[in-house]
Amino acid sequence: MEQGRDSGKENTKIPDITRLFKGPGNEFEVEVVFGEIGNRSPRESHPFDEIIVVAAGTINIERSDENKISSYKSPDFVVIPGGVEHVIEPVETPTKVVIIHPERQ
């Protein structure tokens, strides 16, 4: 796993991520994420919507369009609109998440 840095949390482990790109312009992306307690995604936003499916475990998501941290447990899913900054953090080991970017353009 890589070591990352995010909003004051140094040396936060980024989860194990496998990416699959499909389509003529690689515009459809699926990420399979295996996370554990202590992992944390970088704070980021995208110009496209992101669909997050919790396949196993529980995650917390901090979003720039909400003033709270929301928890999602398998089999929940959430849509993060394009342009919304977010951070994803597993709160169980193991946690398995599928992230879908249907339009990466």
N, C-alpha and C. Protein backbone atom coordinates (compact mmCIF):
# COMPACT_ATOMS: atom_id res chain seq x y z
N MET A 1 0.81 -1.18 0.00
CA MET A 1 0.00 0.00 0.00
C MET A 1 0.86 1.25 0.00
N GLU A 2 0.32 2.28 -0.59
CA GLU A 2 1.03 3.54 -0.64
C GLU A 2 0.86 4.29 0.67
N GLN A 3 1.74 5.24 0.91
CA GLN A 3 1.59 6.16 2.02
C GLN A 3 1.12 7.48 1.45
N GLY A 4 0.20 8.13 2.12
CA GLY A 4 -0.35 9.39 1.60
C GLY A 4 -0.40 10.43 2.68
N ARG A 5 -0.88 11.60 2.31
CA ARG A 5 -0.99 12.72 3.21
C ARG A 5 -2.31 13.41 2.91
N ASP A 6 -3.10 13.69 3.97
CA ASP A 6 -4.39 14.32 3.73
C ASP A 6 -4.83 15.12 4.94
N SER A 7 -5.18 16.35 4.74
CA SER A 7 -5.76 17.27 5.72
C SER A 7 -5.27 17.02 7.14
N GLY A 8 -3.95 17.08 7.30
CA GLY A 8 -3.39 16.96 8.62
C GLY A 8 -3.11 15.54 9.07
N LYS A 9 -3.58 14.56 8.36
CA LYS A 9 -3.31 13.17 8.72
C LYS A 9 -2.14 12.69 7.87
N GLU A 10 -0.96 12.66 8.46
CA GLU A 10 0.20 12.22 7.71
C GLU A 10 0.35 10.71 7.81
N ASN A 11 0.98 10.15 6.79
CA ASN A 11 1.25 8.73 6.72
C ASN A 11 -0.01 7.87 6.80
N THR A 12 -1.11 8.37 6.29
CA THR A 12 -2.34 7.60 6.21
C THR A 12 -2.22 6.61 5.07
N LYS A 13 -2.58 5.36 5.33
CA LYS A 13 -2.50 4.35 4.28
C LYS A 13 -3.67 4.50 3.33
N ILE A 14 -3.37 4.48 2.06
CA ILE A 14 -4.39 4.48 1.02
C ILE A 14 -4.76 3.02 0.77
N PRO A 15 -6.07 2.69 0.67
CA PRO A 15 -6.47 1.29 0.49
C PRO A 15 -5.95 0.67 -0.80
N ASP A 16 -5.99 -0.65 -0.85
CA ASP A 16 -5.62 -1.42 -2.04
C ASP A 16 -6.72 -1.24 -3.09
N ILE A 17 -6.37 -0.67 -4.25
CA ILE A 17 -7.36 -0.36 -5.29
C ILE A 17 -6.94 -0.99 -6.61
N THR A 18 -7.90 -1.67 -7.26
CA THR A 18 -7.71 -2.19 -8.61
C THR A 18 -8.70 -1.46 -9.51
N ARG A 19 -8.23 -0.93 -10.64
CA ARG A 19 -9.08 -0.15 -11.54
C ARG A 19 -9.27 -0.86 -12.87
N LEU A 20 -10.50 -0.79 -13.38
CA LEU A 20 -10.84 -1.32 -14.69
C LEU A 20 -11.45 -0.19 -15.50
N PHE A 21 -10.90 0.08 -16.68
CA PHE A 21 -11.41 1.12 -17.58
C PHE A 21 -12.01 0.46 -18.81
N LYS A 22 -13.18 0.92 -19.21
CA LYS A 22 -13.85 0.37 -20.39
C LYS A 22 -14.39 1.51 -21.25
N GLY A 23 -14.69 1.17 -22.49
CA GLY A 23 -15.25 2.13 -23.43
C GLY A 23 -14.20 2.68 -24.36
N PRO A 24 -14.61 3.26 -25.49
CA PRO A 24 -13.67 3.74 -26.49
C PRO A 24 -12.72 4.80 -25.96
N GLY A 25 -13.17 5.59 -25.00
CA GLY A 25 -12.30 6.61 -24.42
C GLY A 25 -11.97 6.35 -22.97
N ASN A 26 -12.08 5.07 -22.56
CA ASN A 26 -11.88 4.70 -21.16
C ASN A 26 -12.75 5.53 -20.21
N GLU A 27 -13.95 5.89 -20.68
CA GLU A 27 -14.80 6.78 -19.89
C GLU A 27 -15.56 6.07 -18.76
N PHE A 28 -15.64 4.75 -18.79
CA PHE A 28 -16.32 4.00 -17.74
C PHE A 28 -15.25 3.35 -16.88
N GLU A 29 -15.25 3.68 -15.57
CA GLU A 29 -14.25 3.13 -14.66
C GLU A 29 -14.93 2.46 -13.49
N VAL A 30 -14.39 1.30 -13.11
CA VAL A 30 -14.82 0.60 -11.91
C VAL A 30 -13.58 0.39 -11.05
N GLU A 31 -13.68 0.77 -9.78
CA GLU A 31 -12.59 0.55 -8.82
C GLU A 31 -13.07 -0.48 -7.80
N VAL A 32 -12.26 -1.49 -7.57
CA VAL A 32 -12.52 -2.47 -6.51
C VAL A 32 -11.54 -2.13 -5.40
N VAL A 33 -12.08 -1.83 -4.21
CA VAL A 33 -11.26 -1.33 -3.11
C VAL A 33 -11.34 -2.29 -1.93
N PHE A 34 -10.19 -2.73 -1.44
CA PHE A 34 -10.09 -3.52 -0.23
C PHE A 34 -9.49 -2.62 0.84
N GLY A 35 -10.28 -2.27 1.85
CA GLY A 35 -9.82 -1.35 2.88
C GLY A 35 -9.83 -1.97 4.25
N GLU A 36 -9.18 -1.27 5.17
CA GLU A 36 -9.13 -1.71 6.56
C GLU A 36 -9.06 -0.48 7.45
N ILE A 37 -9.27 -0.68 8.72
CA ILE A 37 -9.15 0.43 9.66
C ILE A 37 -7.75 1.03 9.52
N GLY A 38 -7.67 2.36 9.48
CA GLY A 38 -6.40 3.05 9.29
C GLY A 38 -6.20 3.54 7.87
N ASN A 39 -6.99 3.02 6.91
CA ASN A 39 -6.95 3.51 5.53
C ASN A 39 -7.78 4.77 5.43
N ARG A 40 -7.46 5.60 4.45
CA ARG A 40 -8.22 6.83 4.20
C ARG A 40 -7.91 7.28 2.79
N SER A 41 -8.96 7.63 2.04
CA SER A 41 -8.73 8.13 0.69
C SER A 41 -8.23 9.56 0.78
N PRO A 42 -7.57 10.04 -0.27
CA PRO A 42 -7.23 11.46 -0.29
C PRO A 42 -8.51 12.30 -0.42
N ARG A 43 -8.48 13.53 0.06
CA ARG A 43 -9.59 14.46 -0.16
C ARG A 43 -9.55 14.83 -1.64
N GLU A 44 -10.66 14.57 -2.35
CA GLU A 44 -10.67 14.81 -3.78
C GLU A 44 -12.08 15.09 -4.26
N SER A 45 -12.15 15.61 -5.47
CA SER A 45 -13.42 15.76 -6.16
C SER A 45 -13.18 15.38 -7.61
N HIS A 46 -14.26 15.15 -8.33
CA HIS A 46 -14.18 14.77 -9.74
C HIS A 46 -15.19 15.61 -10.51
N PRO A 47 -14.98 15.82 -11.79
CA PRO A 47 -15.96 16.55 -12.59
C PRO A 47 -17.16 15.68 -12.97
N PHE A 48 -17.17 14.42 -12.53
CA PHE A 48 -18.21 13.46 -12.89
C PHE A 48 -18.78 12.84 -11.60
N ASP A 49 -19.99 12.28 -11.70
CA ASP A 49 -20.60 11.60 -10.56
C ASP A 49 -19.84 10.33 -10.21
N GLU A 50 -19.94 9.94 -8.95
CA GLU A 50 -19.28 8.74 -8.46
C GLU A 50 -20.31 7.94 -7.66
N ILE A 51 -20.44 6.66 -7.97
CA ILE A 51 -21.36 5.77 -7.26
C ILE A 51 -20.50 4.84 -6.39
N ILE A 52 -20.79 4.82 -5.10
CA ILE A 52 -20.02 4.00 -4.17
C ILE A 52 -20.94 2.93 -3.60
N VAL A 53 -20.56 1.67 -3.79
CA VAL A 53 -21.32 0.53 -3.28
C VAL A 53 -20.48 -0.14 -2.19
N VAL A 54 -21.05 -0.27 -1.01
CA VAL A 54 -20.35 -0.95 0.09
C VAL A 54 -20.73 -2.43 0.00
N ALA A 55 -19.78 -3.25 -0.43
CA ALA A 55 -20.03 -4.68 -0.62
C ALA A 55 -19.84 -5.46 0.68
N ALA A 56 -18.95 -4.99 1.55
CA ALA A 56 -18.72 -5.63 2.85
C ALA A 56 -18.13 -4.58 3.79
N GLY A 57 -18.56 -4.62 5.05
CA GLY A 57 -18.01 -3.69 6.03
C GLY A 57 -18.78 -2.38 6.10
N THR A 58 -18.10 -1.36 6.63
CA THR A 58 -18.70 -0.05 6.87
C THR A 58 -17.68 1.03 6.52
N ILE A 59 -18.16 2.13 5.92
CA ILE A 59 -17.30 3.27 5.61
C ILE A 59 -17.94 4.54 6.17
N ASN A 60 -17.09 5.53 6.44
CA ASN A 60 -17.53 6.89 6.73
C ASN A 60 -17.15 7.74 5.54
N ILE A 61 -18.04 8.65 5.16
CA ILE A 61 -17.75 9.59 4.07
C ILE A 61 -17.97 11.00 4.57
N GLU A 62 -16.95 11.82 4.41
CA GLU A 62 -17.03 13.25 4.68
C GLU A 62 -17.17 13.94 3.33
N ARG A 63 -18.20 14.80 3.19
CA ARG A 63 -18.48 15.46 1.92
C ARG A 63 -18.51 16.97 2.11
N SER A 64 -18.08 17.70 1.08
CA SER A 64 -18.06 19.16 1.16
C SER A 64 -19.46 19.77 1.07
N ASP A 65 -20.47 19.01 0.63
CA ASP A 65 -21.83 19.54 0.52
C ASP A 65 -22.70 19.19 1.73
N GLU A 66 -22.10 18.56 2.75
CA GLU A 66 -22.82 18.22 3.97
C GLU A 66 -21.96 18.60 5.17
N ASN A 67 -22.56 18.98 6.26
CA ASN A 67 -21.82 19.36 7.46
C ASN A 67 -21.75 18.23 8.47
N LYS A 68 -21.56 17.01 7.96
CA LYS A 68 -21.49 15.85 8.85
C LYS A 68 -20.70 14.75 8.15
N ILE A 69 -20.33 13.76 8.94
CA ILE A 69 -19.73 12.54 8.39
C ILE A 69 -20.82 11.48 8.40
N SER A 70 -21.08 10.89 7.25
CA SER A 70 -22.14 9.88 7.12
C SER A 70 -21.53 8.49 7.08
N SER A 71 -22.22 7.54 7.68
CA SER A 71 -21.77 6.16 7.73
C SER A 71 -22.63 5.30 6.80
N TYR A 72 -21.98 4.40 6.08
CA TYR A 72 -22.67 3.49 5.16
C TYR A 72 -22.18 2.08 5.42
N LYS A 73 -23.13 1.14 5.52
CA LYS A 73 -22.81 -0.25 5.83
C LYS A 73 -23.34 -1.13 4.70
N SER A 74 -22.64 -2.20 4.42
CA SER A 74 -23.07 -3.15 3.38
C SER A 74 -24.51 -3.56 3.63
N PRO A 75 -25.37 -3.52 2.64
CA PRO A 75 -25.19 -3.30 1.20
C PRO A 75 -25.58 -1.89 0.73
N ASP A 76 -25.26 -0.86 1.50
CA ASP A 76 -25.61 0.52 1.13
C ASP A 76 -24.86 0.98 -0.11
N PHE A 77 -25.43 2.01 -0.74
CA PHE A 77 -24.71 2.71 -1.81
C PHE A 77 -25.00 4.19 -1.68
N VAL A 78 -24.13 5.01 -2.25
CA VAL A 78 -24.28 6.46 -2.20
C VAL A 78 -23.77 7.03 -3.51
N VAL A 79 -24.40 8.11 -3.97
CA VAL A 79 -23.94 8.82 -5.17
C VAL A 79 -23.33 10.15 -4.72
N ILE A 80 -22.09 10.39 -5.13
CA ILE A 80 -21.42 11.65 -4.86
C ILE A 80 -21.45 12.45 -6.16
N PRO A 81 -22.13 13.60 -6.16
CA PRO A 81 -22.22 14.39 -7.39
C PRO A 81 -20.85 14.95 -7.80
N GLY A 82 -20.68 15.15 -9.09
CA GLY A 82 -19.46 15.77 -9.60
C GLY A 82 -19.21 17.10 -8.90
N GLY A 83 -17.94 17.38 -8.61
CA GLY A 83 -17.55 18.63 -7.98
C GLY A 83 -17.57 18.63 -6.47
N VAL A 84 -18.10 17.58 -5.84
CA VAL A 84 -18.18 17.51 -4.38
C VAL A 84 -16.91 16.86 -3.84
N GLU A 85 -16.17 17.60 -2.99
CA GLU A 85 -14.99 17.02 -2.35
C GLU A 85 -15.44 15.97 -1.34
N HIS A 86 -14.66 14.91 -1.23
CA HIS A 86 -15.02 13.84 -0.31
C HIS A 86 -13.80 13.07 0.16
N VAL A 87 -13.96 12.44 1.31
CA VAL A 87 -12.95 11.56 1.89
C VAL A 87 -13.69 10.30 2.34
N ILE A 88 -13.13 9.14 2.02
CA ILE A 88 -13.73 7.86 2.38
C ILE A 88 -12.79 7.16 3.37
N GLU A 89 -13.38 6.65 4.46
CA GLU A 89 -12.57 5.99 5.47
C GLU A 89 -13.27 4.72 5.95
N PRO A 90 -12.63 3.54 5.77
CA PRO A 90 -13.21 2.30 6.30
C PRO A 90 -13.21 2.34 7.83
N VAL A 91 -14.24 1.78 8.44
CA VAL A 91 -14.30 1.71 9.90
C VAL A 91 -14.37 0.26 10.37
N GLU A 92 -14.20 -0.67 9.46
CA GLU A 92 -14.13 -2.10 9.78
C GLU A 92 -13.04 -2.74 8.94
N THR A 93 -12.50 -3.83 9.44
CA THR A 93 -11.56 -4.65 8.68
C THR A 93 -12.16 -6.05 8.59
N PRO A 94 -12.34 -6.58 7.38
CA PRO A 94 -12.11 -5.93 6.09
C PRO A 94 -13.32 -5.12 5.64
N THR A 95 -13.07 -4.18 4.76
CA THR A 95 -14.12 -3.43 4.09
C THR A 95 -13.88 -3.58 2.59
N LYS A 96 -14.94 -3.87 1.85
CA LYS A 96 -14.84 -4.03 0.39
C LYS A 96 -15.83 -3.07 -0.25
N VAL A 97 -15.33 -2.25 -1.16
CA VAL A 97 -16.13 -1.20 -1.79
C VAL A 97 -15.93 -1.27 -3.30
N VAL A 98 -17.00 -1.03 -4.04
CA VAL A 98 -16.92 -0.89 -5.49
C VAL A 98 -17.30 0.55 -5.81
N ILE A 99 -16.43 1.24 -6.52
CA ILE A 99 -16.67 2.64 -6.90
C ILE A 99 -16.83 2.67 -8.41
N ILE A 100 -17.91 3.29 -8.86
CA ILE A 100 -18.22 3.32 -10.29
C ILE A 100 -18.25 4.76 -10.76
N HIS A 101 -17.49 5.02 -11.81
CA HIS A 101 -17.51 6.32 -12.50
C HIS A 101 -18.10 6.07 -13.87
N PRO A 102 -19.42 6.26 -14.04
CA PRO A 102 -20.03 5.90 -15.33
C PRO A 102 -19.66 6.84 -16.47
N GLU A 103 -19.27 8.05 -16.19
CA GLU A 103 -18.94 9.02 -17.25
C GLU A 103 -17.72 9.84 -16.85
N ARG A 104 -16.53 9.37 -17.15
CA ARG A 104 -15.30 10.06 -16.75
C ARG A 104 -14.91 11.18 -17.72
N GLN A 105 -15.84 11.80 -18.35
CA GLN A 105 -15.48 12.83 -19.33
C GLN A 105 -15.70 14.21 -18.80
